[in-house]
């Protein structure tokens, strides 16, 4: 029996569901690298998906990133890399912590350095692990 190929809308749904699942896993893994969560109005976290442009080879992507200074300039000063993973079939997933006033700087670094090498997605992120652990202790 021939294998059925998903329609573009179903394929897109499955891809987004997979990305969401991976983002959840990354957020959990990110929690391992973080200090205990505190309510801190002076910082925020952002997870950035850097999806490889599959029309380019890895050498072309790296040449573009070198040309734009991405490797030297990212993350911008004042932003901390919480985690940086390679997700096979997706690209790279970076979680940053920074003061809210640096949001524009983070965005500009991506626009000036990563665009043309990656397709980007941004997700505000928070550390759920302490809440999950507390609820587990309460027997929820």
N, C-alpha and C. Protein backbone atom coordinates (compact mmCIF):
# COMPACT_ATOMS: atom_id res chain seq x y z
N UNK A 1 0.84 -1.17 0.00
CA UNK A 1 0.00 0.00 0.00
C UNK A 1 0.89 1.24 0.00
N UNK A 2 0.67 2.21 -0.93
CA UNK A 2 1.52 3.40 -0.97
C UNK A 2 1.32 4.26 0.27
N UNK A 3 2.42 4.88 0.69
CA UNK A 3 2.36 5.75 1.86
C UNK A 3 1.69 7.06 1.49
N UNK A 4 0.76 7.50 2.34
CA UNK A 4 0.06 8.75 2.09
C UNK A 4 0.92 9.91 2.57
N UNK A 5 0.98 10.96 1.76
CA UNK A 5 1.71 12.16 2.14
C UNK A 5 0.70 13.14 2.70
N UNK A 6 1.02 13.69 3.87
CA UNK A 6 0.10 14.61 4.52
C UNK A 6 -0.11 15.85 3.67
N UNK A 7 -1.31 16.36 3.69
CA UNK A 7 -1.59 17.61 2.99
C UNK A 7 -0.80 18.73 3.64
N UNK A 8 -0.55 19.84 2.91
CA UNK A 8 0.26 20.92 3.49
C UNK A 8 -0.27 21.40 4.84
N UNK A 9 -1.59 21.51 5.00
CA UNK A 9 -2.11 22.01 6.27
C UNK A 9 -1.89 20.99 7.38
N UNK A 10 -2.07 19.72 7.09
CA UNK A 10 -1.83 18.68 8.10
C UNK A 10 -0.33 18.60 8.41
N UNK A 11 0.49 18.67 7.38
CA UNK A 11 1.94 18.64 7.57
C UNK A 11 2.37 19.82 8.44
N UNK A 12 1.82 21.00 8.15
CA UNK A 12 2.16 22.19 8.93
C UNK A 12 1.73 22.01 10.38
N UNK A 13 0.53 21.46 10.60
CA UNK A 13 0.05 21.21 11.95
C UNK A 13 0.98 20.26 12.68
N UNK A 14 1.37 19.17 12.03
CA UNK A 14 2.26 18.20 12.67
C UNK A 14 3.61 18.81 12.99
N UNK A 15 4.12 19.65 12.08
CA UNK A 15 5.39 20.30 12.32
C UNK A 15 5.29 21.23 13.53
N UNK A 16 4.21 22.01 13.60
CA UNK A 16 4.06 22.93 14.73
C UNK A 16 3.87 22.17 16.03
N UNK A 17 3.15 21.06 15.98
CA UNK A 17 2.97 20.24 17.19
C UNK A 17 4.31 19.69 17.65
N UNK A 18 5.15 19.27 16.71
CA UNK A 18 6.47 18.75 17.05
C UNK A 18 7.32 19.85 17.67
N UNK A 19 7.31 21.03 17.08
CA UNK A 19 8.09 22.15 17.60
C UNK A 19 7.63 22.51 19.00
N UNK A 20 6.32 22.52 19.21
CA UNK A 20 5.79 22.84 20.54
C UNK A 20 6.25 21.81 21.56
N UNK A 21 6.24 20.54 21.17
CA UNK A 21 6.71 19.48 22.08
C UNK A 21 8.18 19.68 22.41
N UNK A 22 9.00 19.98 21.39
CA UNK A 22 10.41 20.21 21.63
C UNK A 22 10.63 21.44 22.50
N UNK A 23 9.85 22.49 22.27
CA UNK A 23 9.99 23.70 23.08
C UNK A 23 9.70 23.40 24.54
N UNK A 24 8.71 22.56 24.79
CA UNK A 24 8.39 22.16 26.15
C UNK A 24 9.55 21.39 26.76
N UNK A 25 10.15 20.49 25.97
CA UNK A 25 11.29 19.72 26.47
C UNK A 25 12.47 20.65 26.75
N UNK A 26 12.71 21.60 25.85
CA UNK A 26 13.82 22.53 26.02
C UNK A 26 13.60 23.37 27.27
N UNK A 27 12.37 23.84 27.47
CA UNK A 27 12.08 24.65 28.65
C UNK A 27 12.37 23.86 29.92
N UNK A 28 12.05 22.58 29.92
CA UNK A 28 12.35 21.74 31.07
C UNK A 28 13.84 21.55 31.25
N UNK A 29 14.54 21.33 30.14
CA UNK A 29 15.99 21.16 30.22
C UNK A 29 16.66 22.47 30.61
N UNK A 30 16.10 23.58 30.16
CA UNK A 30 16.63 24.90 30.49
C UNK A 30 16.57 25.12 31.98
N UNK A 31 15.53 24.62 32.62
CA UNK A 31 15.38 24.81 34.05
C UNK A 31 16.56 24.24 34.81
N UNK A 32 17.16 23.16 34.30
CA UNK A 32 18.33 22.57 34.95
C UNK A 32 19.49 23.54 35.00
N UNK A 33 19.59 24.41 34.00
CA UNK A 33 20.72 25.32 33.89
C UNK A 33 20.46 26.64 34.62
N UNK A 34 19.28 26.81 35.18
CA UNK A 34 18.93 28.07 35.79
C UNK A 34 19.03 28.02 37.29
N UNK A 35 19.23 29.19 37.85
CA UNK A 35 19.12 29.32 39.29
C UNK A 35 17.65 29.16 39.65
N UNK A 36 17.33 28.88 40.90
CA UNK A 36 15.92 28.76 41.27
C UNK A 36 15.14 29.99 40.83
N UNK A 37 13.94 29.75 40.39
CA UNK A 37 13.12 30.85 39.86
C UNK A 37 12.77 31.83 40.96
N UNK A 38 12.88 33.06 40.65
CA UNK A 38 12.46 34.12 41.54
C UNK A 38 11.64 35.08 40.71
N UNK A 39 10.66 35.68 41.34
CA UNK A 39 9.89 36.69 40.64
C UNK A 39 10.78 37.92 40.55
N UNK A 40 11.28 38.20 39.35
CA UNK A 40 12.23 39.28 39.19
C UNK A 40 11.79 40.16 38.03
N UNK A 41 11.33 41.34 38.34
CA UNK A 41 10.87 42.27 37.31
C UNK A 41 12.04 42.84 36.52
N UNK A 42 13.27 42.55 36.95
CA UNK A 42 14.44 43.11 36.28
C UNK A 42 14.99 42.22 35.18
N UNK A 43 14.40 41.04 34.96
CA UNK A 43 14.88 40.19 33.88
C UNK A 43 13.73 39.41 33.28
N UNK A 44 13.96 38.96 32.06
CA UNK A 44 13.00 38.12 31.36
C UNK A 44 13.80 37.08 30.59
N UNK A 45 13.09 36.04 30.14
CA UNK A 45 13.75 35.04 29.31
C UNK A 45 13.02 34.96 27.97
N UNK A 46 13.79 34.63 26.94
CA UNK A 46 13.27 34.49 25.59
C UNK A 46 13.94 33.27 24.95
N UNK A 47 13.12 32.39 24.39
CA UNK A 47 13.66 31.26 23.63
C UNK A 47 13.54 31.60 22.16
N UNK A 48 14.64 31.45 21.44
CA UNK A 48 14.69 31.81 20.03
C UNK A 48 15.00 30.56 19.22
N UNK A 49 14.12 30.25 18.27
CA UNK A 49 14.37 29.15 17.34
C UNK A 49 15.09 29.73 16.13
N UNK A 50 16.27 29.24 15.87
CA UNK A 50 17.03 29.61 14.68
C UNK A 50 16.93 28.43 13.72
N UNK A 51 15.94 28.48 12.86
CA UNK A 51 15.70 27.37 11.92
C UNK A 51 16.62 27.51 10.72
N UNK A 52 17.35 26.45 10.42
CA UNK A 52 18.28 26.49 9.28
C UNK A 52 17.54 26.81 7.99
N UNK A 53 18.14 27.65 7.17
CA UNK A 53 17.64 27.89 5.82
C UNK A 53 18.17 26.74 4.98
N UNK A 54 17.30 25.80 4.67
CA UNK A 54 17.74 24.57 4.00
C UNK A 54 18.10 24.78 2.53
N UNK A 55 17.96 26.00 2.03
CA UNK A 55 18.42 26.28 0.66
C UNK A 55 19.92 26.56 0.65
N UNK A 56 20.52 26.64 1.86
CA UNK A 56 21.94 26.93 1.97
C UNK A 56 22.66 25.76 2.63
N UNK A 57 23.92 25.60 2.26
CA UNK A 57 24.76 24.59 2.93
C UNK A 57 25.20 25.16 4.27
N UNK A 58 25.71 24.29 5.12
CA UNK A 58 26.22 24.74 6.41
C UNK A 58 27.35 25.74 6.24
N UNK A 59 28.22 25.52 5.25
CA UNK A 59 29.31 26.46 4.98
C UNK A 59 28.76 27.84 4.59
N UNK A 60 27.70 27.86 3.76
CA UNK A 60 27.09 29.14 3.37
C UNK A 60 26.45 29.83 4.57
N UNK A 61 25.80 29.07 5.43
CA UNK A 61 25.19 29.65 6.63
C UNK A 61 26.27 30.26 7.52
N UNK A 62 27.34 29.50 7.77
CA UNK A 62 28.42 30.01 8.62
C UNK A 62 29.12 31.22 8.00
N UNK A 63 29.28 31.23 6.69
CA UNK A 63 29.88 32.39 6.01
C UNK A 63 29.01 33.62 6.20
N UNK A 64 27.70 33.44 6.10
CA UNK A 64 26.77 34.56 6.30
C UNK A 64 26.88 35.08 7.74
N UNK A 65 26.91 34.16 8.71
CA UNK A 65 26.99 34.56 10.12
C UNK A 65 28.31 35.27 10.40
N UNK A 66 29.40 34.83 9.77
CA UNK A 66 30.70 35.51 9.92
C UNK A 66 30.64 36.90 9.30
N UNK A 67 30.04 36.99 8.12
CA UNK A 67 29.96 38.27 7.39
C UNK A 67 29.16 39.31 8.18
N UNK A 68 28.09 38.87 8.81
CA UNK A 68 27.23 39.80 9.55
C UNK A 68 27.73 40.06 10.96
N UNK A 69 28.75 39.32 11.40
CA UNK A 69 29.27 39.49 12.75
C UNK A 69 28.43 38.82 13.83
N UNK A 70 27.54 37.93 13.42
CA UNK A 70 26.65 37.30 14.39
C UNK A 70 27.43 36.59 15.49
N UNK A 71 28.45 35.83 15.11
CA UNK A 71 29.23 35.08 16.11
C UNK A 71 29.90 36.00 17.13
N UNK A 72 30.30 37.19 16.70
CA UNK A 72 30.96 38.14 17.60
C UNK A 72 29.97 38.94 18.43
N UNK A 73 28.80 39.24 17.87
CA UNK A 73 27.89 40.20 18.48
C UNK A 73 26.70 39.60 19.23
N UNK A 74 26.49 38.31 19.09
CA UNK A 74 25.32 37.70 19.73
C UNK A 74 25.76 36.80 20.86
N UNK A 75 25.14 36.89 21.99
CA UNK A 75 24.05 37.79 22.35
C UNK A 75 24.59 39.18 22.65
N UNK A 76 23.72 40.17 22.62
CA UNK A 76 24.18 41.53 22.91
C UNK A 76 24.60 41.64 24.38
N UNK A 77 25.41 42.65 24.65
CA UNK A 77 25.87 42.89 26.01
C UNK A 77 24.66 43.02 26.93
N UNK A 78 24.73 42.39 28.08
CA UNK A 78 23.64 42.44 29.05
C UNK A 78 22.69 41.27 28.94
N UNK A 79 22.86 40.42 27.91
CA UNK A 79 22.02 39.22 27.75
C UNK A 79 22.87 38.00 28.08
N UNK A 80 22.30 37.09 28.83
CA UNK A 80 22.99 35.87 29.25
C UNK A 80 22.40 34.67 28.50
N UNK A 81 23.27 33.81 27.99
CA UNK A 81 22.82 32.57 27.35
C UNK A 81 22.51 31.57 28.47
N UNK A 82 21.25 31.18 28.59
CA UNK A 82 20.83 30.19 29.58
C UNK A 82 21.06 28.79 29.02
N UNK A 83 20.72 28.62 27.74
CA UNK A 83 20.95 27.34 27.07
C UNK A 83 21.07 27.58 25.57
N UNK A 84 21.77 26.67 24.91
CA UNK A 84 21.92 26.74 23.45
C UNK A 84 22.04 25.31 22.95
N UNK A 85 20.99 24.85 22.30
CA UNK A 85 20.93 23.48 21.82
C UNK A 85 20.85 23.44 20.31
N UNK A 86 21.40 22.37 19.73
CA UNK A 86 21.15 22.05 18.33
C UNK A 86 20.05 21.01 18.33
N UNK A 87 19.00 21.28 17.58
CA UNK A 87 17.88 20.37 17.47
C UNK A 87 17.86 19.86 16.03
N UNK A 88 18.27 18.61 15.86
CA UNK A 88 18.40 18.05 14.51
C UNK A 88 17.06 18.15 13.78
N UNK A 89 17.13 18.61 12.53
CA UNK A 89 15.94 18.77 11.72
C UNK A 89 15.26 20.11 11.92
N UNK A 90 15.67 20.86 12.92
CA UNK A 90 15.07 22.17 13.22
C UNK A 90 16.12 23.26 13.04
N UNK A 91 17.20 23.13 13.77
CA UNK A 91 18.24 24.15 13.78
C UNK A 91 18.77 24.32 15.18
N UNK A 92 18.88 25.56 15.63
CA UNK A 92 19.40 25.86 16.96
C UNK A 92 18.31 26.51 17.79
N UNK A 93 18.33 26.22 19.09
CA UNK A 93 17.36 26.78 20.01
C UNK A 93 18.15 27.43 21.15
N UNK A 94 17.98 28.74 21.28
CA UNK A 94 18.74 29.52 22.24
C UNK A 94 17.77 30.14 23.24
N UNK A 95 18.07 30.01 24.52
CA UNK A 95 17.30 30.70 25.55
C UNK A 95 18.20 31.73 26.20
N UNK A 96 17.72 32.97 26.21
CA UNK A 96 18.46 34.09 26.80
C UNK A 96 17.72 34.62 28.02
N UNK A 97 18.48 35.20 28.95
CA UNK A 97 17.92 35.98 30.06
C UNK A 97 18.51 37.37 29.94
N UNK A 98 17.64 38.39 30.07
CA UNK A 98 18.11 39.76 29.93
C UNK A 98 17.11 40.72 30.55
N UNK A 99 17.55 41.95 30.83
CA UNK A 99 16.61 42.96 31.33
C UNK A 99 15.61 43.31 30.22
N UNK A 100 14.35 43.56 30.55
CA UNK A 100 13.36 43.90 29.52
C UNK A 100 13.80 45.05 28.62
N UNK A 101 14.57 45.97 29.14
CA UNK A 101 15.04 47.11 28.33
C UNK A 101 15.96 46.66 27.19
N UNK A 102 16.49 45.44 27.26
CA UNK A 102 17.39 44.92 26.22
C UNK A 102 16.65 44.16 25.12
N UNK A 103 15.33 44.06 25.20
CA UNK A 103 14.56 43.31 24.21
C UNK A 103 14.83 43.81 22.79
N UNK A 104 14.84 45.10 22.59
CA UNK A 104 15.11 45.66 21.25
C UNK A 104 16.51 45.28 20.77
N UNK A 105 17.50 45.31 21.67
CA UNK A 105 18.86 44.93 21.29
C UNK A 105 18.93 43.47 20.84
N UNK A 106 18.24 42.59 21.57
CA UNK A 106 18.20 41.18 21.19
C UNK A 106 17.58 41.04 19.81
N UNK A 107 16.45 41.71 19.60
CA UNK A 107 15.76 41.65 18.31
C UNK A 107 16.66 42.15 17.18
N UNK A 108 17.32 43.29 17.40
CA UNK A 108 18.19 43.85 16.35
C UNK A 108 19.37 42.94 16.04
N UNK A 109 19.94 42.30 17.06
CA UNK A 109 21.04 41.37 16.80
C UNK A 109 20.60 40.23 15.90
N UNK A 110 19.40 39.73 16.13
CA UNK A 110 18.87 38.66 15.29
C UNK A 110 18.63 39.19 13.87
N UNK A 111 17.97 40.33 13.76
CA UNK A 111 17.66 40.89 12.44
C UNK A 111 18.92 41.18 11.64
N UNK A 112 19.92 41.77 12.27
CA UNK A 112 21.14 42.15 11.55
C UNK A 112 22.10 40.99 11.32
N UNK A 113 22.05 39.97 12.18
CA UNK A 113 23.04 38.91 12.07
C UNK A 113 22.52 37.57 11.59
N UNK A 114 21.34 37.18 12.07
CA UNK A 114 20.86 35.82 11.80
C UNK A 114 19.97 35.73 10.57
N UNK A 115 19.24 36.80 10.28
CA UNK A 115 18.36 36.75 9.11
C UNK A 115 19.20 36.53 7.86
N UNK A 116 18.74 35.66 7.01
CA UNK A 116 19.49 35.29 5.81
C UNK A 116 20.18 33.94 5.99
N UNK A 117 20.40 33.56 7.25
CA UNK A 117 20.96 32.24 7.56
C UNK A 117 19.91 31.37 8.22
N UNK A 118 19.03 32.02 8.99
CA UNK A 118 18.01 31.30 9.75
C UNK A 118 16.64 31.96 9.55
N UNK A 119 15.62 31.16 9.70
CA UNK A 119 14.26 31.66 9.88
C UNK A 119 14.08 31.66 11.40
N UNK A 120 13.52 32.73 11.95
CA UNK A 120 13.52 32.87 13.40
C UNK A 120 12.11 32.86 13.98
N UNK A 121 12.02 32.36 15.20
CA UNK A 121 10.79 32.41 15.99
C UNK A 121 11.18 32.76 17.41
N UNK A 122 10.36 33.58 18.06
CA UNK A 122 10.65 34.04 19.43
C UNK A 122 9.52 33.61 20.36
N UNK A 123 9.91 33.10 21.54
CA UNK A 123 8.94 32.65 22.52
C UNK A 123 9.33 33.17 23.91
N UNK A 124 8.49 34.03 24.51
CA UNK A 124 8.75 34.40 25.91
C UNK A 124 8.77 33.11 26.74
N UNK A 125 9.66 33.03 27.69
CA UNK A 125 9.91 31.78 28.40
C UNK A 125 9.99 32.07 29.90
N UNK A 126 9.53 31.11 30.70
CA UNK A 126 9.74 31.21 32.14
C UNK A 126 10.04 29.84 32.69
N UNK A 127 10.61 29.83 33.88
CA UNK A 127 11.03 28.59 34.52
C UNK A 127 9.84 28.00 35.27
N UNK A 128 9.28 26.95 34.74
CA UNK A 128 8.11 26.29 35.33
C UNK A 128 8.50 25.20 36.33
N UNK A 129 9.74 24.78 36.28
CA UNK A 129 10.15 23.63 37.09
C UNK A 129 9.84 23.78 38.57
N UNK A 130 10.15 24.92 39.22
CA UNK A 130 9.83 25.03 40.65
C UNK A 130 8.32 24.88 40.92
N UNK A 131 7.49 25.39 40.06
CA UNK A 131 6.04 25.24 40.22
C UNK A 131 5.62 23.78 40.07
N UNK A 132 6.20 23.11 39.08
CA UNK A 132 5.91 21.70 38.85
C UNK A 132 6.35 20.87 40.05
N UNK A 133 7.55 21.15 40.56
CA UNK A 133 8.05 20.40 41.71
C UNK A 133 7.17 20.62 42.94
N UNK A 134 6.73 21.87 43.16
CA UNK A 134 5.85 22.16 44.29
C UNK A 134 4.53 21.42 44.16
N UNK A 135 3.97 21.41 42.96
CA UNK A 135 2.69 20.72 42.76
C UNK A 135 2.86 19.22 42.91
N UNK A 136 4.00 18.70 42.54
CA UNK A 136 4.27 17.26 42.70
C UNK A 136 4.35 16.90 44.18
N UNK A 137 4.99 17.77 44.97
CA UNK A 137 5.08 17.54 46.41
C UNK A 137 3.71 17.58 47.06
N UNK A 138 2.82 18.42 46.54
CA UNK A 138 1.46 18.53 47.08
C UNK A 138 0.57 17.37 46.61
N UNK A 139 1.10 16.53 45.74
CA UNK A 139 0.36 15.37 45.28
C UNK A 139 -0.61 15.65 44.14
N UNK A 140 -0.41 16.70 43.42
CA UNK A 140 -1.28 17.02 42.28
C UNK A 140 -0.94 16.20 41.08
